[in-house]
N, C-alpha and C. Protein backbone atom coordinates (compact mmCIF):
# COMPACT_ATOMS: atom_id res chain seq x y z
N MET A 1 -5.23 -48.81 24.72
CA MET A 1 -4.51 -49.17 23.68
C MET A 1 -4.03 -47.90 22.42
N LEU A 2 -4.34 -46.22 22.66
CA LEU A 2 -4.08 -45.73 21.23
C LEU A 2 -3.01 -44.95 22.16
N VAL A 3 -3.17 -44.90 23.31
CA VAL A 3 -1.56 -44.51 23.86
C VAL A 3 -0.87 -45.60 23.96
N PHE A 4 -0.84 -46.51 24.44
CA PHE A 4 -0.05 -47.33 24.39
C PHE A 4 0.46 -47.94 23.04
N ALA A 5 -0.06 -47.90 22.32
CA ALA A 5 0.56 -48.15 20.74
C ALA A 5 0.98 -46.84 20.48
N GLY A 6 0.59 -46.07 20.53
CA GLY A 6 1.27 -44.42 19.72
C GLY A 6 2.28 -44.26 20.77
N THR A 7 2.04 -43.68 21.92
CA THR A 7 3.50 -43.37 22.28
C THR A 7 3.83 -44.29 22.88
N GLY A 8 4.38 -45.81 22.98
CA GLY A 8 4.91 -46.56 23.03
C GLY A 8 5.76 -46.70 22.00
N ALA A 9 5.15 -46.15 20.88
CA ALA A 9 5.82 -46.47 19.27
C ALA A 9 6.85 -45.59 19.84
N ILE A 10 6.46 -44.25 20.10
CA ILE A 10 7.73 -43.14 20.52
C ILE A 10 8.92 -43.22 21.13
N VAL A 11 8.89 -44.32 22.42
CA VAL A 11 9.43 -44.55 23.32
C VAL A 11 10.74 -45.95 22.74
N VAL A 12 9.50 -46.73 22.36
CA VAL A 12 10.20 -47.22 21.35
C VAL A 12 11.39 -46.97 20.68
N ASN A 13 11.08 -46.02 19.66
CA ASN A 13 11.90 -45.92 18.63
C ASN A 13 13.41 -45.08 19.51
N GLU A 14 12.61 -44.60 20.94
CA GLU A 14 14.11 -43.70 21.10
C GLU A 14 15.23 -44.70 22.08
N VAL A 15 14.65 -45.63 22.25
CA VAL A 15 15.02 -46.54 22.99
C VAL A 15 16.16 -47.50 22.56
N SER A 16 15.28 -48.01 20.74
CA SER A 16 15.72 -48.63 19.96
C SER A 16 17.05 -48.24 19.03
N GLY A 17 17.20 -46.73 19.81
CA GLY A 17 17.82 -45.78 18.70
C GLY A 17 17.81 -45.41 16.78
N GLY A 18 16.04 -45.19 16.62
CA GLY A 18 15.65 -44.88 16.00
C GLY A 18 15.05 -45.58 14.75
N VAL A 19 14.63 -46.96 15.36
CA VAL A 19 14.37 -48.33 14.71
C VAL A 19 13.07 -48.18 14.00
N VAL A 20 12.08 -47.47 15.05
CA VAL A 20 10.83 -47.09 14.52
C VAL A 20 10.53 -46.45 13.42
N THR A 21 11.58 -45.05 13.55
CA THR A 21 11.31 -43.86 12.60
C THR A 21 10.22 -43.41 12.68
N HIS A 22 10.57 -42.07 12.13
CA HIS A 22 9.16 -40.98 12.48
C HIS A 22 7.63 -41.24 11.89
N VAL A 23 8.38 -41.64 10.24
CA VAL A 23 7.04 -42.51 9.80
C VAL A 23 6.21 -43.88 10.15
N GLY A 24 7.41 -44.51 10.86
CA GLY A 24 6.82 -46.01 11.75
C GLY A 24 5.99 -45.23 12.82
N VAL A 25 6.44 -44.09 13.46
CA VAL A 25 5.53 -43.84 14.57
C VAL A 25 3.98 -43.36 13.91
N ALA A 26 3.84 -42.43 12.94
CA ALA A 26 2.58 -41.59 12.31
C ALA A 26 2.25 -43.10 11.82
N ILE A 27 2.69 -43.64 11.25
CA ILE A 27 1.61 -44.97 10.87
C ILE A 27 1.40 -46.00 12.01
N THR A 28 1.95 -45.71 13.30
CA THR A 28 1.60 -46.57 14.57
C THR A 28 0.21 -45.81 14.92
N PHE A 29 0.42 -44.74 14.83
CA PHE A 29 -0.98 -43.87 15.30
C PHE A 29 -2.06 -44.29 14.52
N GLY A 30 -1.92 -43.92 13.03
CA GLY A 30 -3.35 -43.83 12.06
C GLY A 30 -3.34 -45.87 12.31
N LEU A 31 -3.03 -46.64 12.59
CA LEU A 31 -3.40 -48.11 12.18
C LEU A 31 -4.01 -48.15 13.73
N VAL A 32 -3.55 -47.87 15.05
CA VAL A 32 -4.06 -47.79 16.00
C VAL A 32 -5.44 -47.25 16.31
N VAL A 33 -5.66 -45.53 15.86
CA VAL A 33 -7.11 -45.55 15.61
C VAL A 33 -7.92 -46.30 14.74
N MET A 34 -7.69 -46.13 13.72
CA MET A 34 -8.41 -47.72 12.65
C MET A 34 -9.04 -48.71 13.06
N ALA A 35 -7.57 -49.46 13.70
CA ALA A 35 -8.22 -50.45 14.54
C ALA A 35 -9.40 -50.63 15.76
N MET A 36 -9.08 -49.30 16.10
CA MET A 36 -10.34 -49.29 17.58
C MET A 36 -11.63 -48.63 16.61
N ILE A 37 -11.38 -48.24 15.94
CA ILE A 37 -12.66 -48.01 15.39
C ILE A 37 -13.83 -48.87 14.65
N TYR A 38 -12.72 -50.06 13.93
CA TYR A 38 -13.64 -50.99 13.89
C TYR A 38 -13.79 -51.99 14.61
N ALA A 39 -13.24 -52.20 16.23
CA ALA A 39 -13.44 -52.88 17.22
C ALA A 39 -14.29 -52.39 17.51
N PHE A 40 -14.38 -50.88 18.17
CA PHE A 40 -15.16 -50.76 19.14
C PHE A 40 -16.22 -49.65 18.53
N GLY A 41 -16.27 -49.39 17.13
CA GLY A 41 -17.01 -48.34 16.68
C GLY A 41 -18.37 -48.51 16.52
N GLU A 42 -19.20 -49.44 16.93
CA GLU A 42 -20.28 -49.87 16.93
C GLU A 42 -20.78 -49.75 18.50
N THR A 43 -19.89 -49.96 19.32
CA THR A 43 -20.28 -50.08 20.51
C THR A 43 -20.46 -48.90 21.54
N SER A 44 -19.38 -47.87 21.00
CA SER A 44 -18.87 -46.67 21.97
C SER A 44 -18.90 -45.53 20.91
N GLY A 45 -18.57 -45.55 19.90
CA GLY A 45 -18.31 -44.92 18.78
C GLY A 45 -16.45 -44.78 18.93
N ALA A 46 -16.09 -45.36 19.58
CA ALA A 46 -14.58 -45.55 19.46
C ALA A 46 -13.77 -44.23 19.43
N HIS A 47 -14.64 -42.78 19.96
CA HIS A 47 -14.06 -41.19 20.20
C HIS A 47 -12.37 -41.46 20.78
N LEU A 48 -12.25 -41.99 21.76
CA LEU A 48 -10.77 -41.98 21.91
C LEU A 48 -10.15 -41.05 22.27
N ASN A 49 -11.03 -40.01 22.23
CA ASN A 49 -10.54 -38.09 22.28
C ASN A 49 -11.94 -37.01 22.59
N PRO A 50 -11.23 -36.51 24.01
CA PRO A 50 -12.23 -35.85 24.05
C PRO A 50 -13.23 -34.55 23.55
N ALA A 51 -11.88 -34.05 22.77
CA ALA A 51 -12.24 -33.29 21.55
C ALA A 51 -13.06 -33.76 20.77
N VAL A 52 -13.03 -34.89 20.63
CA VAL A 52 -13.82 -35.45 19.37
C VAL A 52 -15.48 -35.22 20.28
N THR A 53 -14.98 -35.94 21.48
CA THR A 53 -16.53 -36.33 22.14
C THR A 53 -17.23 -35.06 22.37
N MET A 54 -15.94 -33.79 22.49
CA MET A 54 -17.15 -32.54 22.85
C MET A 54 -17.49 -32.38 21.66
N GLY A 55 -17.03 -32.41 20.22
CA GLY A 55 -17.69 -31.96 19.26
C GLY A 55 -18.68 -32.61 18.46
N PHE A 56 -18.66 -34.32 18.78
CA PHE A 56 -19.71 -35.28 18.44
C PHE A 56 -21.22 -34.08 19.61
N ALA A 57 -20.87 -33.80 21.07
CA ALA A 57 -21.82 -33.17 21.73
C ALA A 57 -22.24 -32.01 21.04
N ALA A 58 -21.89 -30.84 20.79
CA ALA A 58 -21.74 -29.80 20.21
C ALA A 58 -22.57 -30.19 18.75
N ALA A 59 -22.43 -30.72 17.86
CA ALA A 59 -22.92 -31.00 16.37
C ALA A 59 -24.22 -31.80 17.11
N GLY A 60 -24.57 -31.82 18.36
CA GLY A 60 -25.74 -32.57 18.73
C GLY A 60 -25.89 -34.58 18.19
N ARG A 61 -25.19 -34.65 18.13
CA ARG A 61 -25.11 -36.26 17.88
C ARG A 61 -24.57 -37.03 18.66
N MET A 62 -24.80 -36.71 20.51
CA MET A 62 -24.87 -37.40 21.81
C MET A 62 -25.26 -36.82 22.58
N ARG A 63 -25.50 -36.97 23.36
CA ARG A 63 -26.40 -36.10 24.61
C ARG A 63 -25.21 -36.43 25.78
N GLY A 64 -25.46 -34.76 25.88
CA GLY A 64 -24.35 -34.10 26.79
C GLY A 64 -24.08 -34.49 28.43
N VAL A 65 -24.86 -35.64 28.82
CA VAL A 65 -24.46 -35.97 29.78
C VAL A 65 -24.21 -37.15 29.59
N MET A 66 -23.26 -37.64 28.81
CA MET A 66 -22.74 -39.07 28.45
C MET A 66 -20.76 -38.18 28.35
N VAL A 67 -21.14 -36.89 28.16
CA VAL A 67 -19.45 -36.35 27.58
C VAL A 67 -18.38 -36.71 28.89
N PRO A 68 -18.99 -35.96 30.13
CA PRO A 68 -17.65 -36.79 31.64
C PRO A 68 -17.59 -37.85 31.43
N ALA A 69 -18.51 -38.61 31.42
CA ALA A 69 -18.29 -40.13 31.39
C ALA A 69 -17.52 -40.99 30.31
N TYR A 70 -17.77 -40.42 29.19
CA TYR A 70 -16.65 -40.82 27.61
C TYR A 70 -15.38 -40.00 28.22
N ILE A 71 -14.83 -39.06 28.42
CA ILE A 71 -13.72 -38.11 28.96
C ILE A 71 -12.74 -38.71 29.99
N ALA A 72 -13.60 -39.35 30.95
CA ALA A 72 -13.34 -39.71 32.14
C ALA A 72 -12.51 -40.81 32.10
N ALA A 73 -13.19 -42.22 31.21
CA ALA A 73 -12.56 -43.27 30.47
C ALA A 73 -11.79 -43.04 29.68
N GLN A 74 -11.87 -41.67 28.84
CA GLN A 74 -10.41 -41.97 28.19
C GLN A 74 -9.20 -41.02 28.32
N VAL A 75 -9.16 -40.57 29.63
CA VAL A 75 -8.00 -40.06 30.73
C VAL A 75 -7.70 -41.16 31.19
N VAL A 76 -8.67 -42.23 31.97
CA VAL A 76 -7.81 -43.24 32.85
C VAL A 76 -7.27 -44.08 31.75
N GLY A 77 -7.95 -44.41 30.71
CA GLY A 77 -6.80 -45.03 30.05
C GLY A 77 -5.20 -44.53 29.49
N ALA A 78 -5.36 -43.49 28.98
CA ALA A 78 -3.77 -42.98 28.76
C ALA A 78 -3.38 -42.65 30.20
N LEU A 79 -3.79 -42.38 30.66
CA LEU A 79 -2.95 -42.48 32.88
C LEU A 79 -2.61 -44.33 32.64
N ALA A 80 -3.25 -45.13 32.25
CA ALA A 80 -2.78 -46.40 32.48
C ALA A 80 -2.16 -46.70 31.62
N ALA A 81 -2.32 -46.55 30.43
CA ALA A 81 -1.25 -46.78 29.37
C ALA A 81 0.34 -45.81 29.83
N SER A 82 0.20 -44.86 29.99
CA SER A 82 1.17 -44.34 30.52
C SER A 82 1.85 -45.32 31.50
N VAL A 83 1.48 -45.21 32.41
CA VAL A 83 1.82 -45.78 33.72
C VAL A 83 2.35 -46.93 33.06
N LEU A 84 2.21 -47.96 32.43
CA LEU A 84 2.53 -49.08 32.12
C LEU A 84 3.74 -49.15 31.39
N LEU A 85 3.61 -48.14 30.12
CA LEU A 85 4.89 -47.33 29.67
C LEU A 85 6.25 -47.40 30.61
N ARG A 86 5.97 -46.95 31.52
CA ARG A 86 6.86 -46.06 32.50
C ARG A 86 7.32 -47.44 33.52
N ALA A 87 6.58 -48.78 33.66
CA ALA A 87 6.74 -49.60 34.30
C ALA A 87 7.78 -50.67 32.79
N LEU A 88 7.74 -50.70 31.93
CA LEU A 88 8.44 -51.26 30.67
C LEU A 88 10.08 -50.47 30.73
N PHE A 89 9.51 -49.19 30.60
CA PHE A 89 10.83 -48.39 30.11
C PHE A 89 11.22 -46.48 30.82
N PRO A 90 11.80 -48.06 32.57
CA PRO A 90 11.76 -46.41 33.38
C PRO A 90 12.89 -45.24 33.47
N GLU A 91 13.93 -45.94 32.08
CA GLU A 91 15.04 -45.39 31.87
C GLU A 91 14.46 -44.02 30.78
N ASN A 92 13.04 -44.14 30.37
CA ASN A 92 12.82 -43.14 29.71
C ASN A 92 12.16 -41.81 29.86
N ALA A 93 12.94 -40.33 29.79
CA ALA A 93 12.01 -39.18 30.51
C ALA A 93 10.62 -39.00 30.33
N ARG A 94 10.50 -39.08 28.54
CA ARG A 94 9.13 -38.51 28.47
C ARG A 94 7.80 -39.23 28.23
N LEU A 95 8.49 -40.36 27.99
CA LEU A 95 7.19 -40.84 27.66
C LEU A 95 5.93 -41.11 26.70
N GLY A 96 6.65 -40.17 25.07
CA GLY A 96 6.43 -39.81 24.37
C GLY A 96 5.44 -38.69 24.78
N ALA A 97 5.69 -38.12 25.70
CA ALA A 97 4.93 -36.33 25.63
C ALA A 97 4.71 -35.87 24.79
N THR A 98 3.66 -34.82 24.76
CA THR A 98 4.23 -34.00 23.50
C THR A 98 4.10 -32.63 23.92
N ILE A 99 5.80 -32.34 23.54
CA ILE A 99 6.54 -30.66 24.28
C ILE A 99 6.73 -30.02 22.39
N PRO A 100 5.83 -28.19 22.61
CA PRO A 100 6.19 -27.97 21.36
C PRO A 100 7.67 -27.54 21.10
N THR A 101 8.35 -27.79 19.78
CA THR A 101 9.56 -27.55 18.82
C THR A 101 9.47 -26.16 18.24
N GLY A 102 10.19 -24.70 19.63
CA GLY A 102 10.11 -24.12 19.11
C GLY A 102 9.04 -23.03 19.33
N ALA A 103 8.39 -22.18 19.56
CA ALA A 103 7.31 -21.27 20.69
C ALA A 103 6.13 -22.25 20.20
N ALA A 104 4.67 -21.85 21.61
CA ALA A 104 4.61 -22.62 22.18
C ALA A 104 2.99 -22.28 21.03
N TRP A 105 2.97 -20.42 20.68
CA TRP A 105 1.89 -20.32 20.10
C TRP A 105 2.07 -21.12 18.38
N ARG A 106 2.82 -21.43 18.20
CA ARG A 106 3.17 -22.01 16.28
C ARG A 106 2.74 -23.31 16.87
N SER A 107 2.52 -24.13 17.68
CA SER A 107 2.07 -25.46 18.07
C SER A 107 0.68 -25.50 18.37
N PHE A 108 0.51 -24.05 18.99
CA PHE A 108 -1.17 -23.83 19.22
C PHE A 108 -1.97 -23.99 18.19
N VAL A 109 -0.94 -22.97 16.86
CA VAL A 109 -2.40 -23.06 15.85
C VAL A 109 -2.40 -24.29 15.60
N PHE A 110 -1.26 -24.91 15.23
CA PHE A 110 -0.61 -26.40 14.53
C PHE A 110 -2.35 -27.32 15.55
N GLU A 111 -2.15 -27.15 15.94
CA GLU A 111 -2.85 -27.88 17.07
C GLU A 111 -4.36 -27.86 16.94
N VAL A 112 -4.96 -26.54 16.66
CA VAL A 112 -6.43 -26.15 16.82
C VAL A 112 -6.71 -26.74 15.12
N VAL A 113 -5.88 -26.15 13.84
CA VAL A 113 -6.08 -26.84 12.51
C VAL A 113 -6.14 -28.04 12.27
N LEU A 114 -4.81 -29.22 12.97
CA LEU A 114 -5.10 -30.26 12.49
C LEU A 114 -6.64 -30.97 13.74
N SER A 115 -6.33 -30.32 14.60
CA SER A 115 -8.07 -31.06 15.53
C SER A 115 -9.00 -30.27 14.33
N TRP A 116 -8.97 -29.48 13.98
CA TRP A 116 -10.23 -28.69 12.75
C TRP A 116 -10.18 -30.02 11.89
N MET A 117 -9.49 -30.11 11.26
CA MET A 117 -9.21 -31.34 10.15
C MET A 117 -9.65 -32.88 10.38
N LEU A 118 -9.08 -33.30 11.24
CA LEU A 118 -9.53 -34.04 12.25
C LEU A 118 -11.15 -34.30 12.04
N MET A 119 -12.14 -32.92 13.39
CA MET A 119 -13.21 -33.53 13.78
C MET A 119 -14.15 -32.82 12.28
N LEU A 120 -13.73 -32.50 11.40
CA LEU A 120 -14.13 -32.58 10.22
C LEU A 120 -14.37 -33.57 9.57
N VAL A 121 -13.18 -33.85 9.00
CA VAL A 121 -13.58 -35.95 8.68
C VAL A 121 -14.22 -37.10 9.28
N ILE A 122 -14.24 -36.36 10.47
CA ILE A 122 -14.92 -37.53 11.37
C ILE A 122 -16.31 -37.38 11.12
N LEU A 123 -17.16 -35.55 11.37
CA LEU A 123 -18.58 -35.52 10.86
C LEU A 123 -18.65 -35.63 9.80
N ARG A 124 -17.89 -35.51 8.68
CA ARG A 124 -18.35 -35.94 7.35
C ARG A 124 -18.49 -37.04 7.19
N VAL A 125 -17.83 -38.47 7.67
CA VAL A 125 -17.67 -39.78 7.46
C VAL A 125 -18.93 -39.90 7.76
N THR A 126 -19.31 -40.40 9.04
CA THR A 126 -19.92 -40.86 9.89
C THR A 126 -21.37 -39.95 10.48
N SER A 127 -22.22 -41.37 10.44
CA SER A 127 -23.72 -40.49 11.71
C SER A 127 -23.91 -40.71 12.47
N GLY A 128 -24.69 -39.84 13.55
CA GLY A 128 -24.55 -40.05 14.70
C GLY A 128 -23.27 -39.82 15.34
N SER A 129 -23.30 -40.55 16.21
CA SER A 129 -22.00 -40.16 17.07
C SER A 129 -21.37 -41.92 17.29
N LYS A 130 -21.33 -42.53 16.26
CA LYS A 130 -20.78 -44.04 15.87
C LYS A 130 -19.78 -43.92 14.82
N GLU A 131 -18.86 -44.28 14.51
CA GLU A 131 -17.93 -44.37 13.75
C GLU A 131 -18.08 -46.15 13.32
N SER A 132 -18.45 -46.27 12.83
CA SER A 132 -18.62 -47.18 12.47
C SER A 132 -19.00 -47.42 10.55
N GLY A 133 -18.66 -46.88 10.41
CA GLY A 133 -19.15 -46.68 8.32
C GLY A 133 -18.25 -47.74 7.88
N LEU A 134 -18.23 -48.63 6.71
CA LEU A 134 -17.71 -49.41 6.22
C LEU A 134 -16.12 -48.85 5.79
N MET A 135 -16.12 -47.37 5.73
CA MET A 135 -14.56 -46.85 5.59
C MET A 135 -14.47 -45.76 6.65
N ALA A 136 -15.01 -45.67 7.81
CA ALA A 136 -15.35 -44.44 8.78
C ALA A 136 -13.54 -44.73 9.08
N GLY A 137 -12.86 -46.42 9.66
CA GLY A 137 -11.77 -45.93 9.95
C GLY A 137 -10.33 -45.73 9.03
N ILE A 138 -10.79 -46.35 8.19
CA ILE A 138 -9.70 -45.72 6.79
C ILE A 138 -9.52 -44.99 6.56
N ALA A 139 -10.42 -43.58 7.05
CA ALA A 139 -10.39 -41.95 6.68
C ALA A 139 -10.08 -41.76 7.76
N ILE A 140 -10.46 -41.78 8.77
CA ILE A 140 -10.26 -41.28 10.06
C ILE A 140 -8.64 -41.63 10.41
N GLY A 141 -8.46 -43.52 10.43
CA GLY A 141 -7.14 -43.17 10.82
C GLY A 141 -6.21 -42.61 9.76
N GLY A 142 -6.37 -42.86 8.23
CA GLY A 142 -5.91 -42.18 7.64
C GLY A 142 -5.42 -40.71 7.76
N VAL A 143 -6.40 -39.87 8.80
CA VAL A 143 -5.90 -38.33 8.51
C VAL A 143 -5.21 -38.26 10.02
N VAL A 144 -4.97 -39.05 11.12
CA VAL A 144 -4.35 -39.29 11.85
C VAL A 144 -3.19 -39.34 11.90
N GLY A 145 -3.24 -40.20 10.64
CA GLY A 145 -1.56 -40.93 10.60
C GLY A 145 -0.87 -39.54 9.15
N LEU A 146 -1.70 -39.16 8.56
CA LEU A 146 -1.37 -38.15 7.69
C LEU A 146 -1.00 -36.77 8.41
N GLU A 147 -1.92 -36.40 9.66
CA GLU A 147 -1.16 -35.11 10.48
C GLU A 147 -0.12 -35.34 11.15
N ALA A 148 0.04 -36.88 11.98
CA ALA A 148 1.12 -37.24 12.55
C ALA A 148 2.23 -36.83 11.73
N LEU A 149 2.14 -37.34 10.85
CA LEU A 149 3.33 -37.52 9.47
C LEU A 149 3.76 -36.48 9.26
N PHE A 150 3.33 -35.35 9.08
CA PHE A 150 3.72 -33.63 8.80
C PHE A 150 4.07 -32.75 9.59
N ALA A 151 3.17 -32.85 11.23
CA ALA A 151 2.77 -31.97 11.53
C ALA A 151 3.66 -32.39 13.50
N GLY A 152 4.08 -33.56 13.47
CA GLY A 152 4.60 -34.84 14.47
C GLY A 152 5.61 -33.54 14.61
N PRO A 153 7.24 -33.54 13.84
CA PRO A 153 7.88 -33.06 14.35
C PRO A 153 8.03 -31.37 15.00
N ILE A 154 6.48 -30.73 14.84
CA ILE A 154 6.56 -29.57 15.15
C ILE A 154 6.02 -29.49 16.58
N SER A 155 4.45 -29.71 16.26
CA SER A 155 3.62 -29.61 17.48
C SER A 155 3.77 -31.18 18.12
N GLY A 156 3.57 -32.31 17.56
CA GLY A 156 3.80 -33.73 18.50
C GLY A 156 2.46 -34.33 17.53
N ALA A 157 1.54 -33.31 17.46
CA ALA A 157 0.44 -34.07 16.78
C ALA A 157 -0.51 -34.85 17.48
N SER A 158 -0.97 -34.42 18.69
CA SER A 158 -1.53 -34.61 19.46
C SER A 158 -2.53 -34.76 19.18
N MET A 159 -3.65 -33.35 18.66
CA MET A 159 -5.12 -33.66 18.49
C MET A 159 -6.25 -34.71 19.62
N ASN A 160 -5.55 -34.55 20.61
CA ASN A 160 -5.84 -35.26 21.68
C ASN A 160 -5.54 -34.92 23.21
N PRO A 161 -6.40 -34.39 23.76
CA PRO A 161 -6.36 -33.92 25.33
C PRO A 161 -5.60 -34.92 26.30
N ALA A 162 -6.25 -36.53 25.75
CA ALA A 162 -6.30 -37.08 26.85
C ALA A 162 -4.47 -37.86 26.45
N ARG A 163 -4.53 -37.83 25.08
CA ARG A 163 -3.07 -38.78 25.13
C ARG A 163 -2.33 -37.45 25.12
N SER A 164 -2.27 -36.48 25.22
CA SER A 164 -1.06 -35.53 25.72
C SER A 164 -0.90 -35.51 27.45
N LEU A 165 -2.28 -35.46 28.09
CA LEU A 165 -2.16 -35.61 29.62
C LEU A 165 -1.67 -36.63 30.12
N GLY A 166 -1.73 -38.14 29.43
CA GLY A 166 -1.23 -39.66 30.34
C GLY A 166 0.23 -39.35 30.20
N PRO A 167 0.87 -38.92 29.09
CA PRO A 167 2.13 -38.86 29.54
C PRO A 167 2.91 -37.93 30.71
N ALA A 168 1.96 -36.43 30.25
CA ALA A 168 2.57 -35.39 30.84
C ALA A 168 2.46 -35.71 32.55
N VAL A 169 1.36 -36.45 32.75
CA VAL A 169 1.72 -36.81 34.27
C VAL A 169 2.16 -38.00 34.81
N VAL A 170 2.59 -38.82 34.00
CA VAL A 170 3.40 -40.08 34.62
C VAL A 170 4.88 -39.46 34.53
N SER A 171 5.16 -38.58 33.20
CA SER A 171 6.75 -38.82 33.04
C SER A 171 6.44 -37.20 34.07
N GLY A 172 6.23 -36.08 33.98
CA GLY A 172 6.54 -35.03 34.92
C GLY A 172 6.43 -34.16 33.95
N MET A 173 6.70 -34.27 32.24
CA MET A 173 6.57 -32.92 31.72
C MET A 173 5.55 -32.29 31.23
N HIS A 174 5.50 -31.18 31.79
CA HIS A 174 4.33 -30.68 32.12
C HIS A 174 4.48 -28.99 31.36
N GLN A 175 5.62 -29.04 29.84
CA GLN A 175 5.73 -27.82 29.56
C GLN A 175 4.66 -27.64 28.56
N SER A 176 4.60 -26.67 27.92
CA SER A 176 3.19 -26.06 27.64
C SER A 176 2.23 -27.34 27.50
N LEU A 177 1.83 -27.41 28.57
CA LEU A 177 0.73 -28.63 28.70
C LEU A 177 -0.96 -28.07 27.97
N TRP A 178 -0.90 -26.59 28.43
CA TRP A 178 -2.47 -26.06 28.12
C TRP A 178 -2.24 -26.09 26.64
N VAL A 179 -1.34 -25.80 25.67
CA VAL A 179 -1.35 -26.06 24.13
C VAL A 179 -2.31 -27.19 23.68
N TYR A 180 -1.96 -28.25 24.42
CA TYR A 180 -2.48 -29.62 23.98
C TYR A 180 -3.99 -30.54 24.82
N LEU A 181 -4.00 -29.27 25.79
CA LEU A 181 -5.35 -29.64 26.58
C LEU A 181 -6.76 -28.60 25.58
N ALA A 182 -6.03 -27.40 25.40
CA ALA A 182 -7.21 -26.53 24.57
C ALA A 182 -7.02 -26.43 23.48
N ALA A 183 -6.50 -26.23 22.79
CA ALA A 183 -6.40 -26.67 21.55
C ALA A 183 -7.15 -27.39 20.58
N PRO A 184 -6.81 -28.56 21.11
CA PRO A 184 -7.97 -29.76 19.86
C PRO A 184 -9.18 -29.10 20.07
N VAL A 185 -10.20 -28.54 21.56
CA VAL A 185 -11.32 -28.95 21.72
C VAL A 185 -11.14 -27.98 20.78
N VAL A 186 -10.47 -26.41 21.00
CA VAL A 186 -11.15 -25.29 20.12
C VAL A 186 -11.38 -25.67 18.18
N GLY A 187 -10.10 -26.64 18.29
CA GLY A 187 -10.30 -27.13 16.53
C GLY A 187 -11.08 -28.20 16.14
N ALA A 188 -11.99 -29.12 17.29
CA ALA A 188 -12.53 -29.61 16.90
C ALA A 188 -14.23 -28.94 16.97
N LEU A 189 -14.30 -27.73 18.17
CA LEU A 189 -15.16 -26.74 18.01
C LEU A 189 -15.52 -26.62 16.95
N LEU A 190 -14.57 -25.54 16.44
CA LEU A 190 -14.63 -24.93 15.13
C LEU A 190 -15.09 -25.99 13.52
N ALA A 191 -15.10 -26.89 13.93
CA ALA A 191 -15.31 -27.97 13.10
C ALA A 191 -16.64 -28.03 12.35
N VAL A 192 -17.24 -28.25 13.42
CA VAL A 192 -18.97 -28.26 13.57
C VAL A 192 -19.48 -27.48 12.85
N PRO A 193 -19.63 -25.67 13.34
CA PRO A 193 -20.25 -25.14 12.10
C PRO A 193 -19.96 -25.20 11.00
N VAL A 194 -18.66 -25.73 10.31
CA VAL A 194 -18.46 -25.79 9.06
C VAL A 194 -19.23 -26.64 8.58
N ASN A 195 -19.32 -28.00 9.34
CA ASN A 195 -19.54 -29.38 8.95
C ASN A 195 -21.20 -29.04 8.47
N HIS A 196 -21.88 -27.71 9.57
CA HIS A 196 -23.17 -27.52 9.11
C HIS A 196 -23.36 -27.04 8.45
N VAL A 197 -22.71 -25.65 7.70
CA VAL A 197 -22.77 -25.55 6.33
C VAL A 197 -22.33 -26.29 5.19
N ILE A 198 -21.47 -26.82 5.30
CA ILE A 198 -21.62 -28.17 3.99
C ILE A 198 -22.85 -28.84 3.74
N GLN A 199 -23.50 -29.54 5.51
CA GLN A 199 -24.71 -29.89 5.10
C GLN A 199 -25.67 -29.60 4.25
N GLN A 200 -26.01 -28.10 4.93
CA GLN A 200 -27.43 -27.29 4.15
C GLN A 200 -26.73 -26.87 2.71
N SER A 201 -25.53 -26.96 2.36
CA SER A 201 -25.39 -26.74 1.26
C SER A 201 -25.92 -27.53 0.33
N PRO A 202 -26.88 -26.97 -0.98
CA PRO A 202 -27.50 -28.09 -1.83
C PRO A 202 -26.61 -28.90 -2.35
N ALA A 203 -25.25 -28.98 -3.02
CA ALA A 203 -24.62 -29.73 -3.73
C ALA A 203 -24.33 -31.10 -3.19
N THR A 204 -24.56 -31.10 -1.99
CA THR A 204 -24.75 -32.00 -0.52
C THR A 204 -25.71 -32.86 -0.59
N LYS A 205 -26.63 -32.00 -0.88
CA LYS A 205 -28.16 -32.88 -1.04
C LYS A 205 -28.08 -33.89 -2.27
N PRO A 206 -28.98 -35.43 -1.62
CA PRO A 206 -28.71 -36.42 -2.83
C PRO A 206 -30.31 -35.92 -3.95
N ILE A 207 -29.32 -36.32 -4.88
CA ILE A 207 -30.36 -36.47 -5.86
C ILE A 207 -31.25 -37.37 -6.15
N GLU A 208 -32.37 -36.46 -6.15
CA GLU A 208 -33.92 -37.45 -6.83
C GLU A 208 -33.95 -38.04 -8.01
N ALA A 209 -34.27 -39.00 -7.15
CA ALA A 209 -34.32 -40.14 -8.67
C ALA A 209 -35.19 -39.47 -10.07
N ALA A 210 -36.33 -39.03 -9.86
CA ALA A 210 -37.01 -38.26 -10.92
C ALA A 210 -35.87 -37.43 -11.73
N ASP A 211 -34.92 -36.64 -10.99
CA ASP A 211 -33.86 -35.86 -11.80
C ASP A 211 -32.79 -36.48 -12.31
N CYS A 212 -32.27 -37.92 -11.62
CA CYS A 212 -31.59 -38.75 -12.34
C CYS A 212 -32.13 -39.02 -13.82
N GLN A 213 -33.40 -39.56 -13.98
CA GLN A 213 -33.98 -40.48 -14.56
C GLN A 213 -34.45 -39.49 -15.94
N SER A 214 -34.49 -38.36 -15.27
CA SER A 214 -34.81 -37.59 -16.74
C SER A 214 -33.64 -36.38 -17.16
N GLY A 215 -32.20 -36.86 -16.45
CA GLY A 215 -31.22 -36.63 -16.90
C GLY A 215 -30.99 -35.39 -16.63
N ARG A 216 -31.55 -34.28 -15.53
CA ARG A 216 -31.30 -33.12 -14.74
C ARG A 216 -30.60 -33.55 -13.78
N VAL A 217 -30.08 -32.56 -13.12
CA VAL A 217 -29.18 -32.79 -11.61
C VAL A 217 -29.31 -31.23 -11.26
N ARG A 218 -29.90 -30.88 -10.20
CA ARG A 218 -29.97 -30.10 -9.37
C ARG A 218 -28.62 -29.40 -9.28
N ARG A 219 -28.61 -28.13 -9.12
CA ARG A 219 -27.48 -27.40 -8.89
C ARG A 219 -27.59 -26.61 -7.94
């Protein structure tokens, strides 16, 4: 659903002469992520993203033995969506593949930072491996839409190895694919220690009831 709607929006925008617009593509990615979290968050966590799954495993929020199964499902889903888009739009060459604008190293840095931001927000608004909090879908979908909005024209704002792998394999557009396989994982893993530091900060610990009643707030 993520790849079909997200990259589908890119394809439709191209074949329709820009009717969807870049803003529309960014909003589509954000909305589909939000919808999937609310639909499947309590079932699987709705990771949708190998980098996010690895981040959860590194943070100790899910069993490492589950990681290969999650990644396999994510990749199969991305490939299936891209195959369907190829059948619907055989004339479209890229199928929404992510290709750097300019130097590959710049897109690599963009993707690392974008994925770091996304993973950090995910870790802050969820508990365990389940993205099922009342506002988690809005927060996470909002970050995806935000990052796609401002970074899409440079790196494609993939933040997701599966999302980039599916269109690349089916379309044959493999240019700088390594950027989109490696950078999101690096960014997601870098977010884990940052979240740990934040969790250990006294400012993030709950205020005790006695402190509230006496008017004292721990610093």
